[in-house]
Amino acid sequence: MNDEMHAVGEGPRHEVTLDEGAAGATVPAGRVVESEFASVAVRLDEQGNSVRLRVEDLRSGRVRFLDALELETVVWLEDGHLTQLLDPSHERWRG
């Protein structure tokens, strides 16, 4: 595995391929990044006008596409802004 993609101390990552599970669930081809709090599949999407990162929440099936500007913005976020984004009660768990 490429050391740049898997730094020491990161959560488990593994390759996945299109797979029909026993319950009929489909995991998209790409790479799964997971921890005790989340499990997402990531891959490059080349179908649009430019390459984007496709991120799928494997619990809900929700998909988000991030372009280069959006990814760069995440890199430049101050810790306080990122902490607010990581708070599941802020958006994810609203009733």
C-alpha atoms as a PDB file:
ATOM      1  CA  MET A   1       0.000   0.000   0.000  1.00  0.00           C
ATOM      2  CA  ASN A   2       1.207   3.520  -0.770  1.00  0.00           C
ATOM      3  CA  ASP A   3       2.654   5.108   2.403  1.00  0.00           C
ATOM      4  CA  GLU A   4       1.320   8.523   1.371  1.00  0.00           C
ATOM      5  CA  MET A   5      -2.232   7.163   1.435  1.00  0.00           C
ATOM      6  CA  HIS A   6      -1.919   5.298   4.741  1.00  0.00           C
ATOM      7  CA  ALA A   7      -0.110   7.208   7.443  1.00  0.00           C
ATOM      8  CA  VAL A   8       0.737   5.626  10.771  1.00  0.00           C
ATOM      9  CA  GLY A   9      -2.089   5.959  13.275  1.00  0.00           C
ATOM     10  CA  GLU A  10      -4.905   6.261  10.750  1.00  0.00           C
ATOM     11  CA  GLY A  11      -7.999   4.089  10.927  1.00  0.00           C
ATOM     12  CA  PRO A  12      -8.371   0.907   8.884  1.00  0.00           C
ATOM     13  CA  ARG A  13      -8.542   1.184   5.122  1.00  0.00           C
ATOM     14  CA  HIS A  14      -9.067  -1.525   2.588  1.00  0.00           C
ATOM     15  CA  GLU A  15      -9.805  -1.955  -1.077  1.00  0.00           C
ATOM     16  CA  VAL A  16     -13.340  -2.885  -2.036  1.00  0.00           C
ATOM     17  CA  THR A  17     -14.906  -3.906  -5.300  1.00  0.00           C
ATOM     18  CA  LEU A  18     -18.493  -3.928  -6.457  1.00  0.00           C
ATOM     19  CA  ASP A  19     -20.083  -6.552  -4.242  1.00  0.00           C
ATOM     20  CA  GLU A  20     -23.618  -7.832  -3.816  1.00  0.00           C
ATOM     21  CA  GLY A  21     -24.034  -8.681  -0.132  1.00  0.00           C
ATOM     22  CA  ALA A  22     -26.438 -11.230   1.338  1.00  0.00           C
ATOM     23  CA  ALA A  23     -28.994  -8.479   1.887  1.00  0.00           C
ATOM     24  CA  GLY A  24     -28.502  -7.147  -1.637  1.00  0.00           C
ATOM     25  CA  ALA A  25     -26.443  -4.158  -0.427  1.00  0.00           C
ATOM     26  CA  THR A  26     -23.944  -2.863  -2.942  1.00  0.00           C
ATOM     27  CA  VAL A  27     -20.577  -1.412  -1.968  1.00  0.00           C
ATOM     28  CA  PRO A  28     -19.153   0.867  -4.682  1.00  0.00           C
ATOM     29  CA  ALA A  29     -15.704   0.165  -6.101  1.00  0.00           C
ATOM     30  CA  GLY A  30     -13.090   2.275  -4.361  1.00  0.00           C
ATOM     31  CA  ARG A  31     -11.532   2.516  -0.930  1.00  0.00           C
ATOM     32  CA  VAL A  32     -13.317   2.268   2.402  1.00  0.00           C
ATOM     33  CA  VAL A  33     -12.163   4.563   5.201  1.00  0.00           C
ATOM     34  CA  GLU A  34     -13.651   3.733   8.561  1.00  0.00           C
ATOM     35  CA  SER A  35     -13.399   4.227  12.279  1.00  0.00           C
ATOM     36  CA  GLU A  36     -15.610   3.378  15.230  1.00  0.00           C
ATOM     37  CA  PHE A  37     -17.705   6.452  14.324  1.00  0.00           C
ATOM     38  CA  ALA A  38     -18.068   6.317  10.532  1.00  0.00           C
ATOM     39  CA  SER A  39     -17.623   4.201   7.417  1.00  0.00           C
ATOM     40  CA  VAL A  40     -17.329   5.837   4.003  1.00  0.00           C
ATOM     41  CA  ALA A  41     -16.357   4.692   0.524  1.00  0.00           C
ATOM     42  CA  VAL A  42     -14.239   7.105  -1.477  1.00  0.00           C
ATOM     43  CA  ARG A  43     -13.237   7.086  -5.127  1.00  0.00           C
ATOM     44  CA  LEU A  44     -12.460   9.464  -7.949  1.00  0.00           C
ATOM     45  CA  ASP A  45     -15.366  10.378 -10.209  1.00  0.00           C
ATOM     46  CA  GLU A  46     -14.435  11.399 -13.737  1.00  0.00           C
ATOM     47  CA  GLN A  47     -17.970  11.740 -15.143  1.00  0.00           C
ATOM     48  CA  GLY A  48     -18.308  15.518 -14.641  1.00  0.00           C
ATOM     49  CA  ASN A  49     -16.455  18.440 -16.196  1.00  0.00           C
ATOM     50  CA  SER A  50     -13.498  17.805 -13.891  1.00  0.00           C
ATOM     51  CA  VAL A  51     -12.352  15.038 -11.573  1.00  0.00           C
ATOM     52  CA  ARG A  52     -14.155  15.015  -8.226  1.00  0.00           C
ATOM     53  CA  LEU A  53     -13.931  12.931  -5.086  1.00  0.00           C
ATOM     54  CA  ARG A  54     -17.046  10.798  -4.571  1.00  0.00           C
ATOM     55  CA  VAL A  55     -17.715  10.118  -0.881  1.00  0.00           C
ATOM     56  CA  GLU A  56     -20.507   7.742   0.193  1.00  0.00           C
ATOM     57  CA  ASP A  57     -21.693   7.231   3.765  1.00  0.00           C
ATOM     58  CA  LEU A  58     -22.038   3.447   3.882  1.00  0.00           C
ATOM     59  CA  ARG A  59     -24.622   3.536   6.682  1.00  0.00           C
ATOM     60  CA  SER A  60     -27.089   5.865   4.974  1.00  0.00           C
ATOM     61  CA  GLY A  61     -26.071   5.598   1.321  1.00  0.00           C
ATOM     62  CA  ARG A  62     -25.830   9.404   1.096  1.00  0.00           C
ATOM     63  CA  VAL A  63     -23.312  10.570  -1.529  1.00  0.00           C
ATOM     64  CA  ARG A  64     -21.390  13.840  -1.811  1.00  0.00           C
ATOM     65  CA  PHE A  65     -19.090  14.934  -4.637  1.00  0.00           C
ATOM     66  CA  LEU A  66     -16.202  17.251  -3.699  1.00  0.00           C
ATOM     67  CA  ASP A  67     -14.271  19.210  -6.315  1.00  0.00           C
ATOM     68  CA  ALA A  68     -10.737  20.554  -5.922  1.00  0.00           C
ATOM     69  CA  LEU A  69     -11.882  23.880  -4.435  1.00  0.00           C
ATOM     70  CA  GLU A  70     -14.058  22.167  -1.826  1.00  0.00           C
ATOM     71  CA  LEU A  71     -11.240  19.802  -0.862  1.00  0.00           C
ATOM     72  CA  GLU A  72      -8.766  22.665  -0.589  1.00  0.00           C
ATOM     73  CA  THR A  73     -11.235  24.520   1.637  1.00  0.00           C
ATOM     74  CA  VAL A  74     -11.326  21.562   4.054  1.00  0.00           C
ATOM     75  CA  VAL A  75      -7.529  21.658   4.235  1.00  0.00           C
ATOM     76  CA  TRP A  76      -7.522  25.367   5.086  1.00  0.00           C
ATOM     77  CA  LEU A  77     -10.341  25.265   7.669  1.00  0.00           C
ATOM     78  CA  GLU A  78      -9.334  26.385  11.132  1.00  0.00           C
ATOM     79  CA  ASP A  79      -9.743  23.739  13.836  1.00  0.00           C
ATOM     80  CA  GLY A  80     -12.798  25.464  15.317  1.00  0.00           C
ATOM     81  CA  HIS A  81     -14.690  25.305  12.020  1.00  0.00           C
ATOM     82  CA  LEU A  82     -13.793  21.671  11.505  1.00  0.00           C
ATOM     83  CA  THR A  83     -14.889  20.824  15.055  1.00  0.00           C
ATOM     84  CA  GLN A  84     -18.310  22.346  14.357  1.00  0.00           C
ATOM     85  CA  LEU A  85     -18.598  20.281  11.163  1.00  0.00           C
ATOM     86  CA  LEU A  86     -17.720  17.105  13.070  1.00  0.00           C
ATOM     87  CA  ASP A  87     -20.478  17.604  15.668  1.00  0.00           C
ATOM     88  CA  PRO A  88     -23.172  15.091  14.612  1.00  0.00           C
ATOM     89  CA  SER A  89     -25.854  16.893  16.614  1.00  0.00           C
ATOM     90  CA  HIS A  90     -25.344  19.996  14.464  1.00  0.00           C
ATOM     91  CA  GLU A  91     -26.819  18.507  11.257  1.00  0.00           C
ATOM     92  CA  ARG A  92     -26.768  14.730  11.087  1.00  0.00           C
ATOM     93  CA  TRP A  93     -28.918  13.725  14.048  1.00  0.00           C
ATOM     94  CA  ARG A  94     -31.618  16.374  13.859  1.00  0.00           C
ATOM     95  CA  GLY A  95     -35.146  15.009  14.097  1.00  0.00           C
END
